[in-house]
Each structure stands twice: as structure tokens, then as C-alpha cells.
Amino acid sequence: MKFLIVLACIAAASAAPLDADQAALVRGAWDKVKHSEVEILAAVFTAYPDIQAKFPKFAGKDLASVKGSADFALHATRIVSFISEVLALAGNSATAPAIETLVTELANNHKNRGVTKDQFTEFRTALTKYVSSNASWGDNVAAAWNQAFDNVYAIIFAKL
């Protein structure tokens, strides 16, 4: 019984929405990199070529040859815009349903494309490395960032 209570507490803690201060920390770090859309996506593809292989327009092509293309810039902008939209809503309990709707749609779209939990985890790892290397990053930012991803990924993984 104690084990189940501990599991329930862990689950509740991992699904705790960001408070306003945590959301501000995450947005502050994100604001430093969000204008580097192409570099962000290139960093993800460099770290995890299996993710690049999921994109029909980029699969099997040399990253250097597609990185400068309009298609690459467009998709990179879509990814960064999605993250920016979710982060703009974070830190306010009244916007939690909107976040859930956006993330559920993303999960369903990616499920239909065969994207795996492992690939979502790889994306998170690469993105976190990029942001932490290009923005002010301390333990407080890392904790808020990880909580934000834990919350979003709980929704995504429940749909995959």
C-alpha cells in the first residue's frame, strides 16, 4: 500500500503544472534561442539522424544539403512556433486546457507518422542540449525546463 501511495505522489509531482515563476524561467531560456530555428532543427538531426529519417523531404539526404532549403526553414519554424505557443500559455492554470488541446493534436499527428516515444525522448535530449548550451542555464532553469517537458510528454506518451 505504501508503494502505491509513493507512486501516486510521484505521478502527481511529475504532472504538476508550471507556476508563473517557473514558466518565466523556461520562457527566458527559450527566448534566447527561438530565433535560431534552423540551427535548432539541425542540432536535433545531427544528434539523432533517425529523426531526420522520419521527414519525407529530408530522409536519406545529407543534412548540409537540406539545411539551407526553404522546406527545412519552414519546418524548423513550425517546430519552434509550436514550442513558443505552448510556452506562452504555460504558468497560468486557466490555459491548461489549451495546452492539452495543442499537445494532444501534436501527439495524434506524430502517432499517425509512426514517431516513437524514443524519438520524442531523443528530440527532448537534443533540444535541451541546444538550449542549455545557448542560453543562461542553472539548476533552477533546468528543473523548470524538465518539469515543462515532463508535463507535455505525459500528454504525448498517453496518446502514442
N, C-alpha and C. Protein backbone atom coordinates (compact mmCIF):
# COMPACT_ATOMS: atom_id res chain seq x y z
N MET A 1 0.82 -1.19 0.00
CA MET A 1 0.00 0.00 0.00
C MET A 1 0.86 1.26 0.00
N LYS A 2 1.93 1.26 0.81
CA LYS A 2 2.83 2.42 0.84
C LYS A 2 3.43 2.67 -0.53
N PHE A 3 3.75 1.58 -1.22
CA PHE A 3 4.34 1.68 -2.55
C PHE A 3 3.38 2.41 -3.51
N LEU A 4 2.10 2.06 -3.45
CA LEU A 4 1.11 2.71 -4.31
C LEU A 4 0.95 4.18 -3.98
N ILE A 5 1.04 4.52 -2.71
CA ILE A 5 0.95 5.94 -2.31
C ILE A 5 2.16 6.70 -2.84
N VAL A 6 3.33 6.10 -2.73
CA VAL A 6 4.54 6.74 -3.26
C VAL A 6 4.41 6.94 -4.77
N LEU A 7 3.94 5.91 -5.48
CA LEU A 7 3.75 6.04 -6.93
C LEU A 7 2.76 7.14 -7.26
N ALA A 8 1.69 7.24 -6.51
CA ALA A 8 0.70 8.29 -6.75
C ALA A 8 1.30 9.66 -6.53
N CYS A 9 2.12 9.80 -5.50
CA CYS A 9 2.77 11.09 -5.23
C CYS A 9 3.76 11.45 -6.34
N ILE A 10 4.50 10.47 -6.81
CA ILE A 10 5.44 10.73 -7.90
C ILE A 10 4.69 11.14 -9.16
N ALA A 11 3.62 10.44 -9.46
CA ALA A 11 2.82 10.78 -10.65
C ALA A 11 2.24 12.17 -10.53
N ALA A 12 1.75 12.52 -9.36
CA ALA A 12 1.17 13.86 -9.16
C ALA A 12 2.25 14.93 -9.29
N ALA A 13 3.43 14.66 -8.75
CA ALA A 13 4.51 15.64 -8.83
C ALA A 13 4.98 15.84 -10.26
N SER A 14 5.02 14.75 -11.02
CA SER A 14 5.52 14.87 -12.40
C SER A 14 4.52 15.57 -13.31
N ALA A 15 3.26 15.61 -12.89
CA ALA A 15 2.25 16.27 -13.71
C ALA A 15 1.88 17.65 -13.17
N ALA A 16 2.68 18.17 -12.26
CA ALA A 16 2.41 19.48 -11.69
C ALA A 16 2.64 20.56 -12.74
N PRO A 17 1.64 21.38 -12.98
CA PRO A 17 1.84 22.45 -13.96
C PRO A 17 2.88 23.45 -13.47
N LEU A 18 3.51 24.11 -14.41
CA LEU A 18 4.47 25.13 -14.05
C LEU A 18 3.76 26.30 -13.39
N ASP A 19 4.39 26.86 -12.37
CA ASP A 19 3.84 28.10 -11.82
C ASP A 19 4.39 29.26 -12.67
N ALA A 20 3.94 30.45 -12.39
CA ALA A 20 4.31 31.61 -13.20
C ALA A 20 5.83 31.84 -13.20
N ASP A 21 6.47 31.64 -12.06
CA ASP A 21 7.92 31.85 -11.98
C ASP A 21 8.68 30.81 -12.80
N GLN A 22 8.25 29.56 -12.70
CA GLN A 22 8.91 28.50 -13.49
C GLN A 22 8.71 28.75 -14.98
N ALA A 23 7.51 29.12 -15.37
CA ALA A 23 7.24 29.40 -16.78
C ALA A 23 8.10 30.55 -17.27
N ALA A 24 8.30 31.55 -16.44
CA ALA A 24 9.15 32.69 -16.82
C ALA A 24 10.59 32.24 -17.03
N LEU A 25 11.08 31.33 -16.19
CA LEU A 25 12.44 30.81 -16.37
C LEU A 25 12.58 30.08 -17.69
N VAL A 26 11.62 29.23 -17.98
CA VAL A 26 11.67 28.45 -19.23
C VAL A 26 11.57 29.39 -20.43
N ARG A 27 10.64 30.33 -20.39
CA ARG A 27 10.49 31.29 -21.49
C ARG A 27 11.75 32.13 -21.66
N GLY A 28 12.38 32.51 -20.56
CA GLY A 28 13.61 33.29 -20.64
C GLY A 28 14.70 32.56 -21.40
N ALA A 29 14.87 31.28 -21.09
CA ALA A 29 15.88 30.49 -21.82
C ALA A 29 15.46 30.33 -23.28
N TRP A 30 14.19 30.02 -23.50
CA TRP A 30 13.69 29.80 -24.86
C TRP A 30 13.83 31.06 -25.71
N ASP A 31 13.56 32.21 -25.11
CA ASP A 31 13.65 33.47 -25.85
C ASP A 31 15.05 33.73 -26.40
N LYS A 32 16.06 33.18 -25.75
CA LYS A 32 17.45 33.36 -26.22
C LYS A 32 17.76 32.54 -27.48
N VAL A 33 16.98 31.50 -27.75
CA VAL A 33 17.30 30.61 -28.86
C VAL A 33 16.22 30.53 -29.93
N LYS A 34 15.03 30.96 -29.64
CA LYS A 34 13.89 30.70 -30.53
C LYS A 34 14.03 31.32 -31.91
N HIS A 35 14.94 32.22 -32.09
CA HIS A 35 15.15 32.81 -33.42
C HIS A 35 16.20 32.04 -34.22
N SER A 36 16.65 30.93 -33.69
CA SER A 36 17.65 30.08 -34.35
C SER A 36 16.99 28.78 -34.80
N GLU A 37 15.84 28.92 -35.45
CA GLU A 37 15.05 27.76 -35.81
C GLU A 37 15.83 26.71 -36.58
N VAL A 38 16.53 27.15 -37.63
CA VAL A 38 17.27 26.22 -38.49
C VAL A 38 18.38 25.53 -37.70
N GLU A 39 19.06 26.28 -36.86
CA GLU A 39 20.14 25.68 -36.07
C GLU A 39 19.60 24.67 -35.06
N ILE A 40 18.44 24.96 -34.50
CA ILE A 40 17.83 24.02 -33.55
C ILE A 40 17.51 22.71 -34.24
N LEU A 41 16.82 22.77 -35.38
CA LEU A 41 16.46 21.54 -36.08
C LEU A 41 17.70 20.81 -36.59
N ALA A 42 18.69 21.54 -37.04
CA ALA A 42 19.94 20.92 -37.49
C ALA A 42 20.62 20.19 -36.33
N ALA A 43 20.59 20.79 -35.14
CA ALA A 43 21.19 20.14 -33.98
C ALA A 43 20.47 18.85 -33.63
N VAL A 44 19.15 18.86 -33.76
CA VAL A 44 18.36 17.64 -33.49
C VAL A 44 18.73 16.56 -34.51
N PHE A 45 18.75 16.92 -35.78
CA PHE A 45 19.06 15.95 -36.83
C PHE A 45 20.50 15.45 -36.74
N THR A 46 21.42 16.32 -36.35
CA THR A 46 22.82 15.91 -36.20
C THR A 46 22.95 14.90 -35.06
N ALA A 47 22.29 15.17 -33.96
CA ALA A 47 22.37 14.28 -32.80
C ALA A 47 21.64 12.96 -33.05
N TYR A 48 20.52 13.03 -33.79
CA TYR A 48 19.67 11.85 -33.98
C TYR A 48 19.20 11.76 -35.43
N PRO A 49 20.02 11.19 -36.30
CA PRO A 49 19.64 11.06 -37.71
C PRO A 49 18.36 10.25 -37.92
N ASP A 50 17.99 9.39 -36.97
CA ASP A 50 16.75 8.63 -37.12
C ASP A 50 15.54 9.56 -37.11
N ILE A 51 15.66 10.71 -36.48
CA ILE A 51 14.57 11.68 -36.50
C ILE A 51 14.47 12.30 -37.90
N GLN A 52 15.61 12.64 -38.47
CA GLN A 52 15.61 13.19 -39.83
C GLN A 52 14.96 12.21 -40.80
N ALA A 53 15.17 10.93 -40.59
CA ALA A 53 14.62 9.91 -41.48
C ALA A 53 13.09 9.86 -41.45
N LYS A 54 12.48 10.44 -40.43
CA LYS A 54 11.00 10.48 -40.33
C LYS A 54 10.40 11.56 -41.22
N PHE A 55 11.22 12.44 -41.75
CA PHE A 55 10.73 13.54 -42.57
C PHE A 55 10.93 13.20 -44.04
N PRO A 56 9.86 12.93 -44.77
CA PRO A 56 9.99 12.52 -46.18
C PRO A 56 10.84 13.48 -47.03
N LYS A 57 10.75 14.77 -46.79
CA LYS A 57 11.52 15.73 -47.59
C LYS A 57 13.00 15.72 -47.26
N PHE A 58 13.37 15.16 -46.11
CA PHE A 58 14.77 15.20 -45.68
C PHE A 58 15.39 13.82 -45.55
N ALA A 59 14.58 12.79 -45.59
CA ALA A 59 15.07 11.42 -45.39
C ALA A 59 16.09 11.04 -46.46
N GLY A 60 17.18 10.45 -46.02
CA GLY A 60 18.20 9.96 -46.94
C GLY A 60 19.05 11.04 -47.58
N LYS A 61 18.86 12.29 -47.18
CA LYS A 61 19.63 13.39 -47.76
C LYS A 61 20.66 13.89 -46.76
N ASP A 62 21.74 14.41 -47.30
CA ASP A 62 22.78 14.98 -46.48
C ASP A 62 22.23 16.23 -45.80
N LEU A 63 22.43 16.33 -44.49
CA LEU A 63 21.90 17.46 -43.73
C LEU A 63 22.39 18.79 -44.29
N ALA A 64 23.65 18.86 -44.67
CA ALA A 64 24.19 20.11 -45.21
C ALA A 64 23.45 20.56 -46.47
N SER A 65 22.97 19.60 -47.25
CA SER A 65 22.29 19.95 -48.50
C SER A 65 20.85 20.42 -48.28
N VAL A 66 20.22 19.98 -47.19
CA VAL A 66 18.83 20.39 -46.95
C VAL A 66 18.72 21.54 -45.96
N LYS A 67 19.76 21.75 -45.16
CA LYS A 67 19.71 22.77 -44.12
C LYS A 67 19.42 24.16 -44.65
N GLY A 68 19.88 24.49 -45.83
CA GLY A 68 19.66 25.82 -46.39
C GLY A 68 18.39 25.94 -47.22
N SER A 69 17.60 24.89 -47.28
CA SER A 69 16.41 24.92 -48.13
C SER A 69 15.23 25.60 -47.44
N ALA A 70 14.31 26.06 -48.26
CA ALA A 70 13.09 26.69 -47.75
C ALA A 70 12.25 25.68 -46.96
N ASP A 71 12.20 24.43 -47.43
CA ASP A 71 11.43 23.40 -46.72
C ASP A 71 11.98 23.17 -45.31
N PHE A 72 13.29 23.17 -45.19
CA PHE A 72 13.92 22.97 -43.88
C PHE A 72 13.59 24.14 -42.96
N ALA A 73 13.74 25.35 -43.46
CA ALA A 73 13.44 26.54 -42.66
C ALA A 73 11.98 26.58 -42.25
N LEU A 74 11.10 26.18 -43.15
CA LEU A 74 9.67 26.18 -42.86
C LEU A 74 9.34 25.18 -41.74
N HIS A 75 9.90 23.99 -41.85
CA HIS A 75 9.59 23.01 -40.81
C HIS A 75 10.23 23.40 -39.48
N ALA A 76 11.42 23.92 -39.52
CA ALA A 76 12.07 24.37 -38.28
C ALA A 76 11.24 25.46 -37.62
N THR A 77 10.69 26.36 -38.41
CA THR A 77 9.85 27.43 -37.88
C THR A 77 8.57 26.85 -37.27
N ARG A 78 7.99 25.84 -37.89
CA ARG A 78 6.79 25.21 -37.33
C ARG A 78 7.07 24.62 -35.95
N ILE A 79 8.20 23.94 -35.81
CA ILE A 79 8.55 23.32 -34.54
C ILE A 79 8.75 24.39 -33.47
N VAL A 80 9.54 25.39 -33.79
CA VAL A 80 9.83 26.45 -32.83
C VAL A 80 8.56 27.23 -32.49
N SER A 81 7.72 27.47 -33.47
CA SER A 81 6.46 28.19 -33.21
C SER A 81 5.55 27.40 -32.28
N PHE A 82 5.50 26.09 -32.46
CA PHE A 82 4.68 25.26 -31.58
C PHE A 82 5.19 25.36 -30.14
N ILE A 83 6.48 25.20 -29.96
CA ILE A 83 7.04 25.28 -28.61
C ILE A 83 6.78 26.66 -28.02
N SER A 84 6.97 27.69 -28.81
CA SER A 84 6.72 29.07 -28.34
C SER A 84 5.28 29.26 -27.92
N GLU A 85 4.36 28.69 -28.68
CA GLU A 85 2.93 28.82 -28.36
C GLU A 85 2.60 28.13 -27.04
N VAL A 86 3.12 26.93 -26.85
CA VAL A 86 2.87 26.22 -25.60
C VAL A 86 3.49 26.98 -24.42
N LEU A 87 4.70 27.48 -24.59
CA LEU A 87 5.35 28.21 -23.51
C LEU A 87 4.66 29.53 -23.20
N ALA A 88 4.06 30.15 -24.20
CA ALA A 88 3.31 31.38 -23.96
C ALA A 88 2.10 31.12 -23.07
N LEU A 89 1.56 29.92 -23.14
CA LEU A 89 0.39 29.55 -22.34
C LEU A 89 0.76 29.00 -20.96
N ALA A 90 2.01 28.62 -20.78
CA ALA A 90 2.45 27.98 -19.53
C ALA A 90 2.43 28.96 -18.36
N GLY A 91 2.25 28.41 -17.17
CA GLY A 91 2.30 29.21 -15.97
C GLY A 91 0.99 29.84 -15.56
N ASN A 92 -0.09 29.46 -16.24
CA ASN A 92 -1.41 30.00 -15.94
C ASN A 92 -2.39 28.83 -15.98
N SER A 93 -2.96 28.50 -14.84
CA SER A 93 -3.84 27.33 -14.77
C SER A 93 -5.04 27.45 -15.70
N ALA A 94 -5.45 28.66 -16.01
CA ALA A 94 -6.61 28.86 -16.89
C ALA A 94 -6.32 28.42 -18.33
N THR A 95 -5.04 28.36 -18.70
CA THR A 95 -4.69 27.98 -20.08
C THR A 95 -4.31 26.52 -20.21
N ALA A 96 -4.36 25.77 -19.12
CA ALA A 96 -4.01 24.34 -19.16
C ALA A 96 -4.82 23.56 -20.20
N PRO A 97 -6.14 23.80 -20.33
CA PRO A 97 -6.89 23.07 -21.36
C PRO A 97 -6.40 23.38 -22.78
N ALA A 98 -5.99 24.60 -23.02
CA ALA A 98 -5.48 24.96 -24.35
C ALA A 98 -4.18 24.22 -24.63
N ILE A 99 -3.31 24.15 -23.62
CA ILE A 99 -2.06 23.40 -23.79
C ILE A 99 -2.36 21.94 -24.08
N GLU A 100 -3.28 21.37 -23.33
CA GLU A 100 -3.62 19.96 -23.54
C GLU A 100 -4.17 19.73 -24.94
N THR A 101 -4.98 20.63 -25.44
CA THR A 101 -5.53 20.51 -26.79
C THR A 101 -4.42 20.56 -27.83
N LEU A 102 -3.51 21.53 -27.71
CA LEU A 102 -2.41 21.65 -28.66
C LEU A 102 -1.51 20.42 -28.64
N VAL A 103 -1.17 19.97 -27.46
CA VAL A 103 -0.24 18.84 -27.32
C VAL A 103 -0.90 17.54 -27.78
N THR A 104 -2.18 17.39 -27.51
CA THR A 104 -2.90 16.20 -27.98
C THR A 104 -2.92 16.15 -29.50
N GLU A 105 -3.15 17.27 -30.13
CA GLU A 105 -3.13 17.31 -31.59
C GLU A 105 -1.75 16.94 -32.13
N LEU A 106 -0.71 17.47 -31.51
CA LEU A 106 0.66 17.13 -31.91
C LEU A 106 0.89 15.63 -31.75
N ALA A 107 0.47 15.08 -30.62
CA ALA A 107 0.65 13.65 -30.37
C ALA A 107 -0.05 12.80 -31.42
N ASN A 108 -1.29 13.15 -31.71
CA ASN A 108 -2.05 12.38 -32.70
C ASN A 108 -1.41 12.46 -34.09
N ASN A 109 -0.97 13.64 -34.47
CA ASN A 109 -0.30 13.80 -35.78
C ASN A 109 0.98 12.96 -35.85
N HIS A 110 1.74 12.97 -34.78
CA HIS A 110 3.00 12.23 -34.80
C HIS A 110 2.80 10.73 -34.64
N LYS A 111 1.76 10.33 -33.94
CA LYS A 111 1.42 8.91 -33.85
C LYS A 111 1.11 8.37 -35.24
N ASN A 112 0.35 9.14 -36.01
CA ASN A 112 -0.01 8.74 -37.37
C ASN A 112 1.20 8.63 -38.29
N ARG A 113 2.28 9.30 -37.94
CA ARG A 113 3.51 9.26 -38.74
C ARG A 113 4.49 8.21 -38.22
N GLY A 114 4.11 7.50 -37.17
CA GLY A 114 4.96 6.44 -36.64
C GLY A 114 6.10 6.92 -35.77
N VAL A 115 5.99 8.13 -35.23
CA VAL A 115 7.03 8.64 -34.34
C VAL A 115 6.91 7.91 -33.00
N THR A 116 8.03 7.46 -32.49
CA THR A 116 8.05 6.65 -31.27
C THR A 116 8.35 7.51 -30.03
N LYS A 117 8.08 6.92 -28.88
CA LYS A 117 8.43 7.58 -27.62
C LYS A 117 9.93 7.82 -27.56
N ASP A 118 10.70 6.85 -28.04
CA ASP A 118 12.16 7.02 -28.04
C ASP A 118 12.58 8.23 -28.87
N GLN A 119 11.92 8.43 -30.01
CA GLN A 119 12.28 9.58 -30.84
C GLN A 119 11.86 10.90 -30.19
N PHE A 120 10.74 10.90 -29.50
CA PHE A 120 10.37 12.09 -28.74
C PHE A 120 11.41 12.36 -27.65
N THR A 121 11.88 11.30 -27.01
CA THR A 121 12.89 11.45 -25.97
C THR A 121 14.20 11.96 -26.57
N GLU A 122 14.56 11.45 -27.73
CA GLU A 122 15.76 11.94 -28.41
C GLU A 122 15.63 13.43 -28.74
N PHE A 123 14.46 13.81 -29.24
CA PHE A 123 14.22 15.22 -29.55
C PHE A 123 14.41 16.08 -28.30
N ARG A 124 13.83 15.63 -27.21
CA ARG A 124 13.96 16.36 -25.94
C ARG A 124 15.42 16.51 -25.55
N THR A 125 16.17 15.43 -25.64
CA THR A 125 17.59 15.45 -25.27
C THR A 125 18.36 16.44 -26.13
N ALA A 126 18.16 16.38 -27.43
CA ALA A 126 18.89 17.28 -28.34
C ALA A 126 18.48 18.74 -28.13
N LEU A 127 17.19 18.97 -27.96
CA LEU A 127 16.72 20.34 -27.76
C LEU A 127 17.24 20.90 -26.44
N THR A 128 17.19 20.10 -25.40
CA THR A 128 17.68 20.55 -24.09
C THR A 128 19.16 20.87 -24.16
N LYS A 129 19.91 20.04 -24.85
CA LYS A 129 21.35 20.30 -25.00
C LYS A 129 21.57 21.61 -25.75
N TYR A 130 20.80 21.84 -26.81
CA TYR A 130 20.95 23.07 -27.58
C TYR A 130 20.63 24.29 -26.72
N VAL A 131 19.49 24.26 -26.06
CA VAL A 131 19.07 25.43 -25.27
C VAL A 131 20.04 25.66 -24.11
N SER A 132 20.41 24.60 -23.42
CA SER A 132 21.30 24.77 -22.26
C SER A 132 22.69 25.26 -22.65
N SER A 133 23.07 25.03 -23.91
CA SER A 133 24.37 25.50 -24.40
C SER A 133 24.32 26.91 -24.96
N ASN A 134 23.12 27.42 -25.19
CA ASN A 134 22.99 28.72 -25.86
C ASN A 134 22.16 29.74 -25.09
N ALA A 135 21.84 29.44 -23.86
CA ALA A 135 21.05 30.36 -23.03
C ALA A 135 21.57 30.29 -21.60
N SER A 136 21.18 31.24 -20.79
CA SER A 136 21.51 31.18 -19.36
C SER A 136 20.84 29.94 -18.79
N TRP A 137 21.62 29.13 -18.09
CA TRP A 137 21.11 27.84 -17.65
C TRP A 137 21.69 27.51 -16.29
N GLY A 138 20.83 27.38 -15.33
CA GLY A 138 21.23 26.96 -13.99
C GLY A 138 20.31 25.85 -13.54
N ASP A 139 20.51 25.40 -12.32
CA ASP A 139 19.68 24.32 -11.80
C ASP A 139 18.20 24.68 -11.79
N ASN A 140 17.90 25.95 -11.51
CA ASN A 140 16.50 26.37 -11.47
C ASN A 140 15.87 26.32 -12.85
N VAL A 141 16.60 26.74 -13.87
CA VAL A 141 16.09 26.69 -15.24
C VAL A 141 15.95 25.23 -15.68
N ALA A 142 16.96 24.43 -15.39
CA ALA A 142 16.92 23.01 -15.76
C ALA A 142 15.72 22.31 -15.12
N ALA A 143 15.46 22.59 -13.86
CA ALA A 143 14.34 21.95 -13.17
C ALA A 143 13.01 22.37 -13.79
N ALA A 144 12.85 23.65 -14.08
CA ALA A 144 11.61 24.14 -14.69
C ALA A 144 11.46 23.58 -16.10
N TRP A 145 12.54 23.57 -16.86
CA TRP A 145 12.53 23.04 -18.22
C TRP A 145 12.11 21.57 -18.21
N ASN A 146 12.71 20.79 -17.32
CA ASN A 146 12.38 19.37 -17.24
C ASN A 146 10.95 19.15 -16.80
N GLN A 147 10.46 19.96 -15.88
CA GLN A 147 9.07 19.82 -15.46
C GLN A 147 8.13 20.15 -16.63
N ALA A 148 8.46 21.18 -17.39
CA ALA A 148 7.64 21.53 -18.55
C ALA A 148 7.59 20.36 -19.54
N PHE A 149 8.74 19.78 -19.84
CA PHE A 149 8.78 18.65 -20.76
C PHE A 149 8.07 17.43 -20.18
N ASP A 150 8.25 17.19 -18.88
CA ASP A 150 7.56 16.06 -18.26
C ASP A 150 6.04 16.20 -18.43
N ASN A 151 5.55 17.42 -18.23
CA ASN A 151 4.11 17.67 -18.36
C ASN A 151 3.62 17.43 -19.79
N VAL A 152 4.34 17.98 -20.75
CA VAL A 152 3.96 17.83 -22.15
C VAL A 152 4.09 16.37 -22.59
N TYR A 153 5.17 15.74 -22.20
CA TYR A 153 5.38 14.36 -22.62
C TYR A 153 4.40 13.40 -21.96
N ALA A 154 3.91 13.72 -20.78
CA ALA A 154 2.88 12.88 -20.17
C ALA A 154 1.64 12.83 -21.07
N ILE A 155 1.30 13.95 -21.65
CA ILE A 155 0.16 14.01 -22.58
C ILE A 155 0.49 13.25 -23.85
N ILE A 156 1.64 13.53 -24.42
CA ILE A 156 2.03 12.89 -25.68
C ILE A 156 2.11 11.37 -25.52
N PHE A 157 2.80 10.91 -24.49
CA PHE A 157 3.01 9.47 -24.33
C PHE A 157 1.71 8.74 -24.03
N ALA A 158 0.75 9.41 -23.44
CA ALA A 158 -0.55 8.79 -23.20
C ALA A 158 -1.30 8.58 -24.50
N LYS A 159 -0.95 9.33 -25.55
CA LYS A 159 -1.66 9.25 -26.84
C LYS A 159 -0.95 8.35 -27.83
N LEU A 160 0.32 8.05 -27.61
CA LEU A 160 1.07 7.22 -28.58
C LEU A 160 0.74 5.75 -28.43
